[in-house]
Amino acid sequence: MTATNKVDSSASMSAPTAGQKRLVIVGATGMVGGCALRYALDNSAVECVTSIGRERLGISHPKLKEVLHQNFADCSALADALLGQDAAVYCLGTYTGSVSDAELRAITADYTIEFARVLGDSSPNAAFSFLSGNGADPTGQSRLAFARYKGQAEKALLAAGFPRVYIFRPAYIYPVEPRREPNFSYRLLRAIFRVVFPNQVIRADDFAGATVDVAVRGAGKSRSLVLENRDIQAIVALPIASR
């Protein structure tokens, strides 16, 4: 499911109903973000979606507001767009090995923390769903740069003062639409993961739906949760109304 697909707006509502939420999605041109966007636009619990990213989505929808932003090292210009938001789903990221270590840290940790700063100032009561990863290490001791930087972002989000923060640590997110993998390792993982490690696999659309539902509806009485792969699978297995 990609963000360039045409969205069917027939399921959208002409006027908001009681309890509907205003949702921000960051990174909707990516695999998970694109699925999250489509799910949110068709979700009756969502009043409107503000998509923030560097590139245009190429779609239109009565519930969608698109905000282009190039410099995620400074999100101050997003302050007005982030006013009055109820929840955010943050999916901005990059592949390990596709950028330098300095860029990986900036994209994975620094951009997340900067966005959270501005969102917290504009909408301090918003819930925050964050796409982290299996093995993320908030202690900073991991030998894997990706794990350290995701952990750094997690630690900052949990301390940012949001009323609800949901950290998602999936193992392997399986693409549901054809795509070009960034390197041979990712192509190999896609080919064998569902066969060799079926319990570690979550479909991209199922996973994205869970990040939206938890941000919009909450997760029971828990104010903040770190959701490991098994926890995410349990959420995906629930009926949508029970999430």
C-alpha atoms as a PDB file:
ATOM      1  CA  MET A   1       0.000   0.000   0.000  1.00  0.00           C
ATOM      2  CA  THR A   2       1.698   3.238  -1.069  1.00  0.00           C
ATOM      3  CA  ALA A   3       0.862   6.871  -0.475  1.00  0.00           C
ATOM      4  CA  THR A   4       0.675   7.510  -4.220  1.00  0.00           C
ATOM      5  CA  ASN A   5      -2.395   5.301  -4.625  1.00  0.00           C
ATOM      6  CA  LYS A   6      -5.714   7.079  -5.117  1.00  0.00           C
ATOM      7  CA  VAL A   7      -7.780   7.187  -1.941  1.00  0.00           C
ATOM      8  CA  ASP A   8     -11.461   6.353  -2.022  1.00  0.00           C
ATOM      9  CA  SER A   9     -13.235   9.068  -0.058  1.00  0.00           C
ATOM     10  CA  SER A  10     -16.676   7.479  -0.146  1.00  0.00           C
ATOM     11  CA  ALA A  11     -16.331   6.251   3.445  1.00  0.00           C
ATOM     12  CA  SER A  12     -15.499   9.701   4.805  1.00  0.00           C
ATOM     13  CA  MET A  13     -18.054  11.752   6.712  1.00  0.00           C
ATOM     14  CA  SER A  14     -19.207  15.192   5.646  1.00  0.00           C
ATOM     15  CA  ALA A  15     -19.230  16.466   9.221  1.00  0.00           C
ATOM     16  CA  PRO A  16     -17.332  15.382  12.343  1.00  0.00           C
ATOM     17  CA  THR A  17     -19.135  13.313  14.946  1.00  0.00           C
ATOM     18  CA  ALA A  18     -18.666  13.407  18.703  1.00  0.00           C
ATOM     19  CA  GLY A  19     -15.400  11.890  19.837  1.00  0.00           C
ATOM     20  CA  GLN A  20     -13.591  12.077  16.519  1.00  0.00           C
ATOM     21  CA  LYS A  21      -9.894  12.867  16.734  1.00  0.00           C
ATOM     22  CA  ARG A  22      -7.518  15.136  14.867  1.00  0.00           C
ATOM     23  CA  LEU A  23      -4.479  13.113  13.834  1.00  0.00           C
ATOM     24  CA  VAL A  24      -0.993  14.005  12.574  1.00  0.00           C
ATOM     25  CA  ILE A  25       1.018  11.518  10.516  1.00  0.00           C
ATOM     26  CA  VAL A  26       4.702  12.159   9.869  1.00  0.00           C
ATOM     27  CA  GLY A  27       6.314  10.162   7.069  1.00  0.00           C
ATOM     28  CA  ALA A  28       3.241   9.215   5.039  1.00  0.00           C
ATOM     29  CA  THR A  29       5.285   8.649   1.874  1.00  0.00           C
ATOM     30  CA  GLY A  30       6.955   5.637   3.509  1.00  0.00           C
ATOM     31  CA  MET A  31       5.665   2.084   3.696  1.00  0.00           C
ATOM     32  CA  VAL A  32       4.165   2.201   7.201  1.00  0.00           C
ATOM     33  CA  GLY A  33       3.221   5.857   7.044  1.00  0.00           C
ATOM     34  CA  GLY A  34       1.383   5.335   3.764  1.00  0.00           C
ATOM     35  CA  CYS A  35      -0.633   2.485   5.234  1.00  0.00           C
ATOM     36  CA  ALA A  36      -1.339   4.550   8.362  1.00  0.00           C
ATOM     37  CA  LEU A  37      -2.595   7.424   6.223  1.00  0.00           C
ATOM     38  CA  ARG A  38      -4.998   5.290   4.211  1.00  0.00           C
ATOM     39  CA  TYR A  39      -6.267   3.584   7.352  1.00  0.00           C
ATOM     40  CA  ALA A  40      -6.812   6.896   9.147  1.00  0.00           C
ATOM     41  CA  LEU A  41      -8.649   8.472   6.222  1.00  0.00           C
ATOM     42  CA  ASP A  42     -11.107   5.583   6.178  1.00  0.00           C
ATOM     43  CA  ASN A  43     -11.430   5.509   9.985  1.00  0.00           C
ATOM     44  CA  SER A  44     -14.662   6.958  11.375  1.00  0.00           C
ATOM     45  CA  ALA A  45     -12.889   7.757  14.663  1.00  0.00           C
ATOM     46  CA  VAL A  46     -10.649  10.254  12.845  1.00  0.00           C
ATOM     47  CA  GLU A  47     -12.039  13.684  12.012  1.00  0.00           C
ATOM     48  CA  CYS A  48      -9.077  14.908   9.968  1.00  0.00           C
ATOM     49  CA  VAL A  49      -5.502  13.963   9.158  1.00  0.00           C
ATOM     50  CA  THR A  50      -2.585  16.360   8.851  1.00  0.00           C
ATOM     51  CA  SER A  51       0.223  14.762   6.859  1.00  0.00           C
ATOM     52  CA  ILE A  52       3.672  16.276   7.340  1.00  0.00           C
ATOM     53  CA  GLY A  53       6.503  15.387   4.991  1.00  0.00           C
ATOM     54  CA  ARG A  54       9.001  16.589   2.427  1.00  0.00           C
ATOM     55  CA  GLU A  55       7.178  15.342  -0.674  1.00  0.00           C
ATOM     56  CA  ARG A  56       3.628  15.656  -1.921  1.00  0.00           C
ATOM     57  CA  LEU A  57       1.461  12.596  -1.478  1.00  0.00           C
ATOM     58  CA  GLY A  58      -0.285  12.846  -4.820  1.00  0.00           C
ATOM     59  CA  ILE A  59      -3.735  12.197  -3.367  1.00  0.00           C
ATOM     60  CA  SER A  60      -6.720  14.243  -2.291  1.00  0.00           C
ATOM     61  CA  HIS A  61      -9.300  13.514   0.377  1.00  0.00           C
ATOM     62  CA  PRO A  62     -11.780  15.720   2.262  1.00  0.00           C
ATOM     63  CA  LYS A  63     -10.221  14.691   5.592  1.00  0.00           C
ATOM     64  CA  LEU A  64      -6.630  15.313   4.499  1.00  0.00           C
ATOM     65  CA  LYS A  65      -4.496  18.395   5.059  1.00  0.00           C
ATOM     66  CA  GLU A  66      -1.007  18.240   3.601  1.00  0.00           C
ATOM     67  CA  VAL A  67       1.885  20.236   5.061  1.00  0.00           C
ATOM     68  CA  LEU A  68       5.248  20.226   3.295  1.00  0.00           C
ATOM     69  CA  HIS A  69       8.286  20.665   5.537  1.00  0.00           C
ATOM     70  CA  GLN A  70      11.895  20.198   4.452  1.00  0.00           C
ATOM     71  CA  ASN A  71      14.053  20.796   7.525  1.00  0.00           C
ATOM     72  CA  PHE A  72      13.156  18.384  10.309  1.00  0.00           C
ATOM     73  CA  ALA A  73      16.173  19.572  12.279  1.00  0.00           C
ATOM     74  CA  ASP A  74      14.030  22.628  13.019  1.00  0.00           C
ATOM     75  CA  CYS A  75      10.269  22.064  13.234  1.00  0.00           C
ATOM     76  CA  SER A  76       9.404  25.495  14.628  1.00  0.00           C
ATOM     77  CA  ALA A  77       7.547  26.390  11.419  1.00  0.00           C
ATOM     78  CA  LEU A  78       5.093  23.548  12.134  1.00  0.00           C
ATOM     79  CA  ALA A  79       3.782  25.109  15.340  1.00  0.00           C
ATOM     80  CA  ASP A  80       0.540  26.418  13.809  1.00  0.00           C
ATOM     81  CA  ALA A  81      -0.155  23.215  11.858  1.00  0.00           C
ATOM     82  CA  LEU A  82       0.217  21.207  15.070  1.00  0.00           C
ATOM     83  CA  LEU A  83      -2.230  23.264  17.139  1.00  0.00           C
ATOM     84  CA  GLY A  84      -5.257  21.389  18.430  1.00  0.00           C
ATOM     85  CA  GLN A  85      -4.093  17.899  17.495  1.00  0.00           C
ATOM     86  CA  ASP A  86      -5.279  14.890  19.500  1.00  0.00           C
ATOM     87  CA  ALA A  87      -2.695  12.325  18.382  1.00  0.00           C
ATOM     88  CA  ALA A  88       0.384  11.802  16.256  1.00  0.00           C
ATOM     89  CA  VAL A  89       1.767   8.773  14.434  1.00  0.00           C
ATOM     90  CA  TYR A  90       5.464   9.271  13.736  1.00  0.00           C
ATOM     91  CA  CYS A  91       6.866   7.023  10.989  1.00  0.00           C
ATOM     92  CA  LEU A  92       9.735   9.103   9.620  1.00  0.00           C
ATOM     93  CA  GLY A  93      12.911   7.043   9.278  1.00  0.00           C
ATOM     94  CA  THR A  94      15.560   5.561   7.038  1.00  0.00           C
ATOM     95  CA  TYR A  95      17.269   2.254   6.387  1.00  0.00           C
ATOM     96  CA  THR A  96      20.462   1.258   8.162  1.00  0.00           C
ATOM     97  CA  GLY A  97      23.324   1.386   5.662  1.00  0.00           C
ATOM     98  CA  SER A  98      21.573   3.781   3.306  1.00  0.00           C
ATOM     99  CA  VAL A  99      22.987   6.931   4.952  1.00  0.00           C
ATOM    100  CA  SER A 100      26.032   7.905   7.006  1.00  0.00           C
ATOM    101  CA  ASP A 101      26.089   7.361  10.756  1.00  0.00           C
ATOM    102  CA  ALA A 102      25.631  11.084  11.370  1.00  0.00           C
ATOM    103  CA  GLU A 103      22.577  11.156   9.083  1.00  0.00           C
ATOM    104  CA  LEU A 104      21.174   8.009  10.688  1.00  0.00           C
ATOM    105  CA  ARG A 105      21.374   9.603  14.114  1.00  0.00           C
ATOM    106  CA  ALA A 106      19.842  12.855  12.891  1.00  0.00           C
ATOM    107  CA  ILE A 107      16.927  11.170  11.128  1.00  0.00           C
ATOM    108  CA  THR A 108      16.293   8.522  13.776  1.00  0.00           C
ATOM    109  CA  ALA A 109      16.756  10.485  16.988  1.00  0.00           C
ATOM    110  CA  ASP A 110      17.241  14.211  16.452  1.00  0.00           C
ATOM    111  CA  TYR A 111      14.322  14.722  14.068  1.00  0.00           C
ATOM    112  CA  THR A 112      11.985  12.747  16.326  1.00  0.00           C
ATOM    113  CA  ILE A 113      12.948  14.740  19.399  1.00  0.00           C
ATOM    114  CA  GLU A 114      12.631  18.070  17.582  1.00  0.00           C
ATOM    115  CA  PHE A 115       9.190  17.212  16.203  1.00  0.00           C
ATOM    116  CA  ALA A 116       8.039  16.093  19.659  1.00  0.00           C
ATOM    117  CA  ARG A 117       9.228  19.398  21.132  1.00  0.00           C
ATOM    118  CA  VAL A 118       7.051  21.446  18.794  1.00  0.00           C
ATOM    119  CA  LEU A 119       4.063  19.101  19.033  1.00  0.00           C
ATOM    120  CA  GLY A 120       4.300  19.234  22.827  1.00  0.00           C
ATOM    121  CA  ASP A 121       4.246  23.027  22.783  1.00  0.00           C
ATOM    122  CA  SER A 122       1.335  23.219  20.333  1.00  0.00           C
ATOM    123  CA  SER A 123      -0.744  20.246  21.518  1.00  0.00           C
ATOM    124  CA  PRO A 124       0.468  19.184  24.979  1.00  0.00           C
ATOM    125  CA  ASN A 125      -2.411  16.729  25.423  1.00  0.00           C
ATOM    126  CA  ALA A 126      -1.735  14.787  22.236  1.00  0.00           C
ATOM    127  CA  ALA A 127      -1.013  11.055  22.256  1.00  0.00           C
ATOM    128  CA  PHE A 128       2.122   9.923  20.448  1.00  0.00           C
ATOM    129  CA  SER A 129       2.668   6.649  18.553  1.00  0.00           C
ATOM    130  CA  PHE A 130       6.293   6.106  17.563  1.00  0.00           C
ATOM    131  CA  LEU A 131       7.659   3.604  15.057  1.00  0.00           C
ATOM    132  CA  SER A 132      10.752   2.294  16.822  1.00  0.00           C
ATOM    133  CA  GLY A 133      12.271  -1.130  16.213  1.00  0.00           C
ATOM    134  CA  ASN A 134      13.102  -4.486  17.725  1.00  0.00           C
ATOM    135  CA  GLY A 135      16.179  -4.219  19.932  1.00  0.00           C
ATOM    136  CA  ALA A 136      15.953  -0.466  20.542  1.00  0.00           C
ATOM    137  CA  ASP A 137      18.159   0.356  23.524  1.00  0.00           C
ATOM    138  CA  PRO A 138      17.357   3.434  25.650  1.00  0.00           C
ATOM    139  CA  THR A 139      20.481   2.758  27.770  1.00  0.00           C
ATOM    140  CA  GLY A 140      22.729   3.565  24.810  1.00  0.00           C
ATOM    141  CA  GLN A 141      24.844   0.449  25.349  1.00  0.00           C
ATOM    142  CA  SER A 142      23.972  -1.440  22.174  1.00  0.00           C
ATOM    143  CA  ARG A 143      26.711  -1.933  19.605  1.00  0.00           C
ATOM    144  CA  LEU A 144      24.139  -1.338  16.872  1.00  0.00           C
ATOM    145  CA  ALA A 145      23.811   2.307  15.912  1.00  0.00           C
ATOM    146  CA  PHE A 146      20.159   1.892  14.898  1.00  0.00           C
ATOM    147  CA  ALA A 147      19.304   0.425  18.306  1.00  0.00           C
ATOM    148  CA  ARG A 148      21.092   3.217  20.164  1.00  0.00           C
ATOM    149  CA  TYR A 149      19.462   5.999  18.180  1.00  0.00           C
ATOM    150  CA  LYS A 150      15.975   4.513  18.358  1.00  0.00           C
ATOM    151  CA  GLY A 151      16.523   4.066  22.086  1.00  0.00           C
ATOM    152  CA  GLN A 152      17.589   7.680  22.403  1.00  0.00           C
ATOM    153  CA  ALA A 153      14.392   8.785  20.692  1.00  0.00           C
ATOM    154  CA  GLU A 154      12.278   6.515  22.896  1.00  0.00           C
ATOM    155  CA  LYS A 155      13.835   7.852  26.080  1.00  0.00           C
ATOM    156  CA  ALA A 156      13.219  11.449  25.033  1.00  0.00           C
ATOM    157  CA  LEU A 157       9.597  10.784  24.048  1.00  0.00           C
ATOM    158  CA  LEU A 158       8.776   9.067  27.325  1.00  0.00           C
ATOM    159  CA  ALA A 159      10.186  12.071  29.188  1.00  0.00           C
ATOM    160  CA  ALA A 160       8.550  14.704  26.968  1.00  0.00           C
ATOM    161  CA  GLY A 161       5.401  15.087  29.054  1.00  0.00           C
ATOM    162  CA  PHE A 162       2.794  13.745  26.643  1.00  0.00           C
ATOM    163  CA  PRO A 163      -0.137  12.149  28.469  1.00  0.00           C
ATOM    164  CA  ARG A 164       0.177   8.968  26.388  1.00  0.00           C
ATOM    165  CA  VAL A 165       3.211   7.649  24.506  1.00  0.00           C
ATOM    166  CA  TYR A 166       3.189   4.336  22.650  1.00  0.00           C
ATOM    167  CA  ILE A 167       6.523   2.932  21.534  1.00  0.00           C
ATOM    168  CA  PHE A 168       6.151   0.249  18.844  1.00  0.00           C
ATOM    169  CA  ARG A 169       9.073  -2.178  18.460  1.00  0.00           C
ATOM    170  CA  PRO A 170       8.186  -4.477  15.542  1.00  0.00           C
ATOM    171  CA  ALA A 171      10.562  -7.230  14.450  1.00  0.00           C
ATOM    172  CA  TYR A 172       9.915  -7.444  10.704  1.00  0.00           C
ATOM    173  CA  ILE A 173       7.245  -5.422   8.932  1.00  0.00           C
ATOM    174  CA  TYR A 174       6.247  -7.290   5.807  1.00  0.00           C
ATOM    175  CA  PRO A 175       5.481  -5.137   2.745  1.00  0.00           C
ATOM    176  CA  VAL A 176       2.024  -5.756   1.346  1.00  0.00           C
ATOM    177  CA  GLU A 177       2.668  -4.049  -1.982  1.00  0.00           C
ATOM    178  CA  PRO A 178       5.536  -4.540  -4.446  1.00  0.00           C
ATOM    179  CA  ARG A 179       8.450  -2.241  -3.717  1.00  0.00           C
ATOM    180  CA  ARG A 180      12.132  -1.885  -4.434  1.00  0.00           C
ATOM    181  CA  GLU A 181      14.159  -2.988  -1.416  1.00  0.00           C
ATOM    182  CA  PRO A 182      17.189  -0.810  -0.541  1.00  0.00           C
ATOM    183  CA  ASN A 183      19.765  -3.608  -0.684  1.00  0.00           C
ATOM    184  CA  PHE A 184      20.277  -7.366  -0.969  1.00  0.00           C
ATOM    185  CA  SER A 185      19.863  -7.968   2.778  1.00  0.00           C
ATOM    186  CA  TYR A 186      16.370  -6.504   2.762  1.00  0.00           C
ATOM    187  CA  ARG A 187      15.447  -8.474  -0.352  1.00  0.00           C
ATOM    188  CA  LEU A 188      16.636 -11.655   1.359  1.00  0.00           C
ATOM    189  CA  LEU A 189      14.679 -10.878   4.525  1.00  0.00           C
ATOM    190  CA  ARG A 190      11.515 -10.361   2.536  1.00  0.00           C
ATOM    191  CA  ALA A 191      12.012 -13.659   0.750  1.00  0.00           C
ATOM    192  CA  ILE A 192      12.611 -15.840   3.808  1.00  0.00           C
ATOM    193  CA  PHE A 193      11.196 -14.143   6.907  1.00  0.00           C
ATOM    194  CA  ARG A 194       7.594 -15.300   6.583  1.00  0.00           C
ATOM    195  CA  VAL A 195       8.750 -18.893   6.116  1.00  0.00           C
ATOM    196  CA  VAL A 196      11.610 -19.094   8.613  1.00  0.00           C
ATOM    197  CA  PHE A 197      10.368 -16.686  11.318  1.00  0.00           C
ATOM    198  CA  PRO A 198       6.585 -16.436  10.949  1.00  0.00           C
ATOM    199  CA  ASN A 199       6.092 -15.286  14.565  1.00  0.00           C
ATOM    200  CA  GLN A 200       8.297 -12.254  13.931  1.00  0.00           C
ATOM    201  CA  VAL A 201       6.349 -10.968  10.922  1.00  0.00           C
ATOM    202  CA  ILE A 202       3.635  -8.306  10.935  1.00  0.00           C
ATOM    203  CA  ARG A 203       1.983  -7.073   7.746  1.00  0.00           C
ATOM    204  CA  ALA A 204       2.607  -3.388   7.091  1.00  0.00           C
ATOM    205  CA  ASP A 205      -1.095  -2.548   6.830  1.00  0.00           C
ATOM    206  CA  ASP A 206      -1.980  -4.427  10.027  1.00  0.00           C
ATOM    207  CA  PHE A 207       0.863  -2.786  11.901  1.00  0.00           C
ATOM    208  CA  ALA A 208       0.001   0.697  10.658  1.00  0.00           C
ATOM    209  CA  GLY A 209      -3.619   0.261  11.654  1.00  0.00           C
ATOM    210  CA  ALA A 210      -2.541  -0.653  15.181  1.00  0.00           C
ATOM    211  CA  THR A 211      -0.404   2.481  15.520  1.00  0.00           C
ATOM    212  CA  VAL A 212      -3.364   4.641  14.499  1.00  0.00           C
ATOM    213  CA  ASP A 213      -5.930   2.843  16.660  1.00  0.00           C
ATOM    214  CA  VAL A 214      -3.801   2.961  19.789  1.00  0.00           C
ATOM    215  CA  ALA A 215      -3.010   6.653  19.311  1.00  0.00           C
ATOM    216  CA  VAL A 216      -6.641   7.570  18.637  1.00  0.00           C
ATOM    217  CA  ARG A 217      -8.471   5.225  21.003  1.00  0.00           C
ATOM    218  CA  GLY A 218      -5.877   4.634  23.709  1.00  0.00           C
ATOM    219  CA  ALA A 219      -4.750   1.347  25.206  1.00  0.00           C
ATOM    220  CA  GLY A 220      -6.786   0.699  28.290  1.00  0.00           C
ATOM    221  CA  LYS A 221      -5.654   2.591  31.381  1.00  0.00           C
ATOM    222  CA  SER A 222      -1.998   2.674  30.407  1.00  0.00           C
ATOM    223  CA  ARG A 223      -0.527   6.137  29.994  1.00  0.00           C
ATOM    224  CA  SER A 224       2.582   4.948  28.198  1.00  0.00           C
ATOM    225  CA  LEU A 225       3.560   1.594  26.765  1.00  0.00           C
ATOM    226  CA  VAL A 226       6.583  -0.001  25.144  1.00  0.00           C
ATOM    227  CA  LEU A 227       5.066  -2.544  22.781  1.00  0.00           C
ATOM    228  CA  GLU A 228       7.352  -5.398  21.744  1.00  0.00           C
ATOM    229  CA  ASN A 229       6.623  -7.545  18.706  1.00  0.00           C
ATOM    230  CA  ARG A 230       4.440 -10.021  20.627  1.00  0.00           C
ATOM    231  CA  ASP A 231       2.412  -7.150  22.094  1.00  0.00           C
ATOM    232  CA  ILE A 232       1.860  -5.632  18.672  1.00  0.00           C
ATOM    233  CA  GLN A 233       0.721  -8.981  17.302  1.00  0.00           C
ATOM    234  CA  ALA A 234      -1.761  -9.248  20.161  1.00  0.00           C
ATOM    235  CA  ILE A 235      -3.162  -5.810  19.306  1.00  0.00           C
ATOM    236  CA  VAL A 236      -3.425  -6.707  15.619  1.00  0.00           C
ATOM    237  CA  ALA A 237      -5.347  -9.862  16.542  1.00  0.00           C
ATOM    238  CA  LEU A 238      -7.995  -7.879  18.436  1.00  0.00           C
ATOM    239  CA  PRO A 239     -11.184  -6.652  16.797  1.00  0.00           C
ATOM    240  CA  ILE A 240     -10.694  -2.991  15.897  1.00  0.00           C
ATOM    241  CA  ALA A 241     -13.337  -1.806  18.367  1.00  0.00           C
ATOM    242  CA  SER A 242     -11.474  -3.567  21.207  1.00  0.00           C
ATOM    243  CA  ARG A 243      -8.055  -2.015  20.617  1.00  0.00           C
END
